Amino acid sequence: MKWAQRFLIHFATFFGIGRISKAPGTWGTLACVPLSLVLNYFGPFIAMSVTILMLPVAVISAEFYERENGGHDSKEIVIDEFLGFLITMTWLPITWQSYVIGFFLFRFLDILKPFPI
């Protein structure tokens, strides 16, 4: 397997976090917290710019992972939780309260998937 293919598989699972057997989406979201803090420190425009730049790579990596491993919406793919949490936290203040509420609200809505999410 070529290095680019290996990178896409690792990116889709956020470097193996998606392979955690219990609650991989929650672990993927939790893994995003440090990057979200760093990006938000530089301001919402930087945070959103990095998120937008990561989006096409995330889509390509998720599609490649599913093509290689079969299935649809594989639980191992956590890059969507990762980017979703970055989006959630971009315009919120950098406080422990906003991160706790953002984390639990994001996970609740991600699990429930109400229309039109």
C-alpha atoms as a PDB file:
ATOM      1  CA  MET A   1       0.000   0.000   0.000  1.00  0.00           C
ATOM      2  CA  LYS A   2       1.317   3.407  -0.947  1.00  0.00           C
ATOM      3  CA  TRP A   3       2.048   6.056   1.663  1.00  0.00           C
ATOM      4  CA  ALA A   4      -0.877   8.233   0.502  1.00  0.00           C
ATOM      5  CA  GLN A   5      -3.310   5.351   0.896  1.00  0.00           C
ATOM      6  CA  ARG A   6      -1.965   4.564   4.367  1.00  0.00           C
ATOM      7  CA  PHE A   7      -2.286   8.234   5.294  1.00  0.00           C
ATOM      8  CA  LEU A   8      -5.929   8.333   4.150  1.00  0.00           C
ATOM      9  CA  ILE A   9      -6.791   5.254   6.213  1.00  0.00           C
ATOM     10  CA  HIS A  10      -5.015   6.668   9.265  1.00  0.00           C
ATOM     11  CA  PHE A  11      -6.640  10.083   8.793  1.00  0.00           C
ATOM     12  CA  ALA A  12     -10.139   8.572   8.515  1.00  0.00           C
ATOM     13  CA  THR A  13      -9.652   6.770  11.842  1.00  0.00           C
ATOM     14  CA  PHE A  14      -7.782   9.759  13.220  1.00  0.00           C
ATOM     15  CA  PHE A  15      -4.590   7.811  13.520  1.00  0.00           C
ATOM     16  CA  GLY A  16      -6.150   4.738  15.113  1.00  0.00           C
ATOM     17  CA  ILE A  17      -8.537   6.353  17.585  1.00  0.00           C
ATOM     18  CA  GLY A  18     -11.495   5.058  15.575  1.00  0.00           C
ATOM     19  CA  ARG A  19     -10.300   1.508  16.215  1.00  0.00           C
ATOM     20  CA  ILE A  20     -11.022   1.807  19.952  1.00  0.00           C
ATOM     21  CA  SER A  21     -13.768  -0.749  20.512  1.00  0.00           C
ATOM     22  CA  LYS A  22     -15.909   1.214  22.973  1.00  0.00           C
ATOM     23  CA  ALA A  23     -17.391   4.560  21.862  1.00  0.00           C
ATOM     24  CA  PRO A  24     -14.948   5.442  19.061  1.00  0.00           C
ATOM     25  CA  GLY A  25     -16.923   8.568  18.146  1.00  0.00           C
ATOM     26  CA  THR A  26     -16.637   9.884  21.676  1.00  0.00           C
ATOM     27  CA  TRP A  27     -12.896   9.171  21.727  1.00  0.00           C
ATOM     28  CA  GLY A  28     -12.536  10.867  18.325  1.00  0.00           C
ATOM     29  CA  THR A  29     -14.305  13.948  19.632  1.00  0.00           C
ATOM     30  CA  LEU A  30     -12.193  13.944  22.787  1.00  0.00           C
ATOM     31  CA  ALA A  31      -9.024  13.711  20.699  1.00  0.00           C
ATOM     32  CA  CYS A  32     -10.067  16.895  18.938  1.00  0.00           C
ATOM     33  CA  VAL A  33     -10.176  19.000  22.105  1.00  0.00           C
ATOM     34  CA  PRO A  34      -6.441  19.907  22.176  1.00  0.00           C
ATOM     35  CA  LEU A  35      -6.369  20.938  18.505  1.00  0.00           C
ATOM     36  CA  SER A  36      -9.579  22.904  18.955  1.00  0.00           C
ATOM     37  CA  LEU A  37      -8.070  24.785  21.897  1.00  0.00           C
ATOM     38  CA  VAL A  38      -4.935  25.628  19.921  1.00  0.00           C
ATOM     39  CA  LEU A  39      -6.829  26.730  16.815  1.00  0.00           C
ATOM     40  CA  ASN A  40      -9.334  28.800  18.788  1.00  0.00           C
ATOM     41  CA  TYR A  41      -6.472  30.507  20.604  1.00  0.00           C
ATOM     42  CA  PHE A  42      -5.510  32.007  17.223  1.00  0.00           C
ATOM     43  CA  GLY A  43      -9.080  33.137  16.613  1.00  0.00           C
ATOM     44  CA  PRO A  44     -12.199  31.862  14.886  1.00  0.00           C
ATOM     45  CA  PHE A  45     -11.057  32.761  11.372  1.00  0.00           C
ATOM     46  CA  ILE A  46      -7.902  30.660  11.669  1.00  0.00           C
ATOM     47  CA  ALA A  47      -9.872  27.805  13.275  1.00  0.00           C
ATOM     48  CA  MET A  48     -12.491  27.835  10.517  1.00  0.00           C
ATOM     49  CA  SER A  49      -9.866  28.145   7.789  1.00  0.00           C
ATOM     50  CA  VAL A  50      -8.000  25.076   9.039  1.00  0.00           C
ATOM     51  CA  THR A  51     -11.297  23.188   9.346  1.00  0.00           C
ATOM     52  CA  ILE A  52     -12.289  24.100   5.784  1.00  0.00           C
ATOM     53  CA  LEU A  53      -8.862  23.010   4.517  1.00  0.00           C
ATOM     54  CA  MET A  54      -9.176  19.677   6.349  1.00  0.00           C
ATOM     55  CA  LEU A  55     -12.683  18.993   5.025  1.00  0.00           C
ATOM     56  CA  PRO A  56     -11.832  17.722   1.508  1.00  0.00           C
ATOM     57  CA  VAL A  57      -9.084  15.478   2.888  1.00  0.00           C
ATOM     58  CA  ALA A  58     -11.545  14.116   5.460  1.00  0.00           C
ATOM     59  CA  VAL A  59     -14.162  13.333   2.797  1.00  0.00           C
ATOM     60  CA  ILE A  60     -11.605  11.656   0.542  1.00  0.00           C
ATOM     61  CA  SER A  61     -10.161   9.649   3.430  1.00  0.00           C
ATOM     62  CA  ALA A  62     -13.590   8.457   4.630  1.00  0.00           C
ATOM     63  CA  GLU A  63     -14.591   7.432   1.114  1.00  0.00           C
ATOM     64  CA  PHE A  64     -11.287   5.624   0.609  1.00  0.00           C
ATOM     65  CA  TYR A  65     -11.608   3.825   3.951  1.00  0.00           C
ATOM     66  CA  GLU A  66     -15.094   2.586   3.088  1.00  0.00           C
ATOM     67  CA  ARG A  67     -14.033   1.503  -0.387  1.00  0.00           C
ATOM     68  CA  GLU A  68     -11.095  -0.454   1.062  1.00  0.00           C
ATOM     69  CA  ASN A  69     -12.958  -1.957   4.023  1.00  0.00           C
ATOM     70  CA  GLY A  70     -16.529  -2.147   2.773  1.00  0.00           C
ATOM     71  CA  GLY A  71     -19.572  -0.933   4.621  1.00  0.00           C
ATOM     72  CA  HIS A  72     -21.204   2.430   5.038  1.00  0.00           C
ATOM     73  CA  ASP A  73     -20.673   4.894   7.887  1.00  0.00           C
ATOM     74  CA  SER A  74     -18.131   2.617   9.541  1.00  0.00           C
ATOM     75  CA  LYS A  75     -17.758   3.229  13.261  1.00  0.00           C
ATOM     76  CA  GLU A  76     -13.977   3.334  12.795  1.00  0.00           C
ATOM     77  CA  ILE A  77     -14.249   6.543  10.772  1.00  0.00           C
ATOM     78  CA  VAL A  78     -14.060   9.324  13.357  1.00  0.00           C
ATOM     79  CA  ILE A  79     -12.720  12.171  11.250  1.00  0.00           C
ATOM     80  CA  ASP A  80     -16.312  13.407  10.887  1.00  0.00           C
ATOM     81  CA  GLU A  81     -16.614  13.717  14.677  1.00  0.00           C
ATOM     82  CA  PHE A  82     -13.254  15.440  14.723  1.00  0.00           C
ATOM     83  CA  LEU A  83     -14.254  18.082  12.161  1.00  0.00           C
ATOM     84  CA  GLY A  84     -17.756  18.372  13.592  1.00  0.00           C
ATOM     85  CA  PHE A  85     -16.340  19.273  16.978  1.00  0.00           C
ATOM     86  CA  LEU A  86     -13.961  21.803  15.417  1.00  0.00           C
ATOM     87  CA  ILE A  87     -16.964  23.447  13.749  1.00  0.00           C
ATOM     88  CA  THR A  88     -18.963  23.316  16.993  1.00  0.00           C
ATOM     89  CA  MET A  89     -16.267  25.100  18.974  1.00  0.00           C
ATOM     90  CA  THR A  90     -15.077  27.643  16.406  1.00  0.00           C
ATOM     91  CA  TRP A  91     -17.241  30.596  17.452  1.00  0.00           C
ATOM     92  CA  LEU A  92     -17.613  29.742  21.140  1.00  0.00           C
ATOM     93  CA  PRO A  93     -15.508  31.305  23.875  1.00  0.00           C
ATOM     94  CA  ILE A  94     -12.471  29.383  25.102  1.00  0.00           C
ATOM     95  CA  THR A  95     -13.759  28.434  28.540  1.00  0.00           C
ATOM     96  CA  TRP A  96     -13.974  25.068  30.251  1.00  0.00           C
ATOM     97  CA  GLN A  97     -17.759  25.542  30.446  1.00  0.00           C
ATOM     98  CA  SER A  98     -18.146  26.048  26.701  1.00  0.00           C
ATOM     99  CA  TYR A  99     -15.957  23.019  25.996  1.00  0.00           C
ATOM    100  CA  VAL A 100     -17.932  20.786  28.376  1.00  0.00           C
ATOM    101  CA  ILE A 101     -21.299  21.937  27.018  1.00  0.00           C
ATOM    102  CA  GLY A 102     -20.048  21.835  23.414  1.00  0.00           C
ATOM    103  CA  PHE A 103     -18.673  18.319  23.874  1.00  0.00           C
ATOM    104  CA  PHE A 104     -21.817  16.850  25.428  1.00  0.00           C
ATOM    105  CA  LEU A 105     -24.214  18.692  23.113  1.00  0.00           C
ATOM    106  CA  PHE A 106     -22.205  17.657  20.057  1.00  0.00           C
ATOM    107  CA  ARG A 107     -22.066  13.994  21.169  1.00  0.00           C
ATOM    108  CA  PHE A 108     -25.801  14.007  22.018  1.00  0.00           C
ATOM    109  CA  LEU A 109     -26.766  15.395  18.620  1.00  0.00           C
ATOM    110  CA  ASP A 110     -24.270  13.155  16.802  1.00  0.00           C
ATOM    111  CA  ILE A 111     -25.729  10.048  18.428  1.00  0.00           C
ATOM    112  CA  LEU A 112     -29.375  11.130  18.131  1.00  0.00           C
ATOM    113  CA  LYS A 113     -28.998  12.559  14.591  1.00  0.00           C
ATOM    114  CA  PRO A 114     -32.197  14.640  14.592  1.00  0.00           C
ATOM    115  CA  PHE A 115     -33.488  15.968  11.281  1.00  0.00           C
ATOM    116  CA  PRO A 116     -31.807  17.638   9.347  1.00  0.00           C
ATOM    117  CA  ILE A 117     -28.467  16.562  10.814  1.00  0.00           C
END
